[in-house]
Amino acid sequence: MKQVISCAFAAIMVSSAPIAVSAAPYGFQTEAINNTEFEVIPRARRDVDGYWCAAADFARRGLGAGWQDRIYVLRGYGPSVTTGRKTAVQFTTRSPANVDQQSSITVGFKAGESMTVQGANGLCSRRQIFE
């Protein structure tokens, strides 16, 4: 009987613990850097649309951004400062200082590129040709 109670208590404790990692859609992970900056880290997919989709999801759910709020690229491809993984892209919900602001139309990520949360979320439903 003691084992049953111990197992039940352990299950309750595990299920009530907060999740530290945000599992973004389509095989990406998001990690907060601070209140406005975050990283999108690939796990399976590495396509540009997937990064923007994960950024929109985190901005909306994790930071409470509105659909018309903008997401900016803070830093393009580089090492993750939160996980140590080799590749991550940093985003922010605030306009980064000292970089040209532009809408995202390039392949890849350049500091200052931006998209609305709604626009980035729209990339979640685009079908990938090379999966």
Protein backbone atom coordinates (compact mmCIF):
# COMPACT_ATOMS: atom_id res chain seq x y z
CA MET A 1 0.00 0.00 0.00
CA LYS A 2 2.90 2.33 0.78
CA GLN A 3 4.27 1.86 -2.73
CA VAL A 4 0.91 2.79 -4.31
CA ILE A 5 0.68 5.98 -2.25
CA SER A 6 4.31 6.87 -3.02
CA CYS A 7 3.78 6.33 -6.75
CA ALA A 8 0.57 8.38 -6.72
CA PHE A 9 2.28 11.22 -4.88
CA ALA A 10 5.23 11.16 -7.31
CA ALA A 11 2.84 11.26 -10.28
CA ILE A 12 1.02 14.27 -8.82
CA MET A 13 4.30 16.12 -8.20
CA VAL A 14 5.59 15.45 -11.73
CA SER A 15 2.32 16.48 -13.39
CA SER A 16 2.13 19.72 -11.42
CA ALA A 17 5.72 20.85 -12.12
CA PRO A 18 5.98 23.75 -14.57
CA ILE A 19 7.46 23.00 -17.95
CA ALA A 20 10.71 24.91 -18.46
CA VAL A 21 11.01 24.42 -22.22
CA SER A 22 8.50 25.68 -24.73
CA ALA A 23 7.79 23.12 -27.42
CA ALA A 24 7.00 25.14 -30.51
CA PRO A 25 5.18 23.74 -33.52
CA TYR A 26 6.90 21.62 -36.15
CA GLY A 27 10.02 20.51 -34.33
CA PHE A 28 11.32 23.79 -32.94
CA GLN A 29 12.06 24.80 -29.36
CA THR A 30 11.71 28.33 -28.02
CA GLU A 31 13.56 29.73 -25.02
CA ALA A 32 13.11 33.16 -23.45
CA ILE A 33 16.25 35.27 -23.13
CA ASN A 34 14.42 38.05 -21.24
CA ASN A 35 10.94 39.68 -21.28
CA THR A 36 11.10 40.69 -24.95
CA GLU A 37 13.83 38.56 -26.51
CA PHE A 38 13.77 34.84 -27.26
CA GLU A 39 15.47 32.16 -29.31
CA VAL A 40 14.05 29.66 -31.74
CA ILE A 41 16.12 26.50 -31.82
CA PRO A 42 15.59 23.78 -34.44
CA ARG A 43 15.21 20.16 -33.44
CA ALA A 44 13.98 18.47 -36.61
CA ARG A 45 12.98 21.02 -39.24
CA ARG A 46 15.27 23.87 -40.22
CA ASP A 47 13.26 25.76 -42.82
CA VAL A 48 12.85 29.55 -42.60
CA ASP A 49 9.04 29.34 -42.35
CA GLY A 50 9.35 27.05 -39.33
CA TYR A 51 11.48 29.57 -37.43
CA TRP A 52 8.97 32.36 -38.08
CA CYS A 53 6.06 30.06 -37.17
CA ALA A 54 7.70 29.13 -33.86
CA ALA A 55 8.50 32.80 -33.18
CA ALA A 56 4.85 33.76 -33.77
CA ASP A 57 3.65 30.99 -31.46
CA PHE A 58 6.00 32.04 -28.66
CA ALA A 59 5.30 35.76 -29.08
CA ARG A 60 1.56 35.12 -28.94
CA ARG A 61 1.40 32.49 -26.18
CA GLY A 62 4.54 33.20 -24.17
CA LEU A 63 4.74 37.00 -24.38
CA GLY A 64 1.08 37.92 -24.96
CA ALA A 65 1.74 39.74 -28.24
CA GLY A 66 -1.23 40.80 -30.35
CA TRP A 67 -1.78 39.64 -33.92
CA GLN A 68 -0.65 42.97 -35.39
CA ASP A 69 2.43 43.31 -33.16
CA ARG A 70 5.73 42.86 -34.97
CA ILE A 71 8.40 40.24 -34.41
CA TYR A 72 11.94 41.37 -35.27
CA VAL A 73 15.05 39.35 -35.99
CA LEU A 74 17.54 40.32 -33.30
CA ARG A 75 20.32 38.08 -34.57
CA GLY A 76 20.42 35.62 -37.47
CA TYR A 77 21.85 32.12 -37.36
CA GLY A 78 24.29 31.60 -34.52
CA PRO A 79 24.87 29.59 -31.36
CA SER A 80 22.12 29.44 -28.76
CA VAL A 81 22.79 31.46 -25.62
CA THR A 82 20.13 29.57 -23.65
CA THR A 83 20.85 25.95 -24.59
CA GLY A 84 24.33 25.86 -26.11
CA ARG A 85 23.02 24.28 -29.33
CA LYS A 86 24.94 25.13 -32.50
CA THR A 87 22.13 26.90 -34.33
CA ALA A 88 19.46 29.31 -33.16
CA VAL A 89 17.85 32.52 -34.35
CA GLN A 90 17.11 35.29 -31.86
CA PHE A 91 13.90 37.31 -32.11
CA THR A 92 12.47 40.23 -30.18
CA THR A 93 9.13 41.98 -29.87
CA ARG A 94 10.87 45.36 -29.67
CA SER A 95 12.46 47.15 -32.58
CA PRO A 96 16.20 46.44 -32.33
CA ALA A 97 18.40 49.51 -32.04
CA ASN A 98 21.00 50.45 -34.64
CA VAL A 99 19.74 48.20 -37.47
CA ASP A 100 17.73 48.95 -40.58
CA GLN A 101 14.10 47.92 -40.26
CA GLN A 102 12.58 45.97 -43.13
CA SER A 103 9.85 43.46 -43.80
CA SER A 104 11.13 39.94 -44.23
CA ILE A 105 11.34 38.90 -47.86
CA THR A 106 14.79 37.31 -47.96
CA VAL A 107 15.82 33.73 -47.45
CA GLY A 108 17.53 33.47 -44.09
CA PHE A 109 17.56 35.97 -41.28
CA LYS A 110 19.03 39.46 -41.11
CA ALA A 111 18.91 41.62 -37.98
CA GLY A 112 16.04 44.09 -38.28
CA GLU A 113 13.82 41.97 -40.54
CA SER A 114 10.31 41.83 -39.18
CA MET A 115 6.89 40.37 -39.67
CA THR A 116 3.59 40.72 -37.85
CA VAL A 117 2.66 37.91 -35.51
CA GLN A 118 -0.27 37.17 -37.81
CA GLY A 119 1.96 37.08 -40.90
CA ALA A 120 4.48 34.79 -39.23
CA ASN A 121 1.67 32.59 -37.93
CA GLY A 122 0.38 32.27 -41.50
CA LEU A 123 3.64 30.53 -42.41
CA CYS A 124 2.70 27.68 -40.07
CA SER A 125 0.22 26.31 -42.58
CA ARG A 126 2.48 26.52 -45.65
CA ARG A 127 3.37 23.14 -46.95
CA GLN A 128 7.06 22.37 -47.24
CA ILE A 129 8.22 20.97 -50.56
CA PHE A 130 11.38 19.33 -49.21
CA GLU A 131 10.58 17.61 -45.95
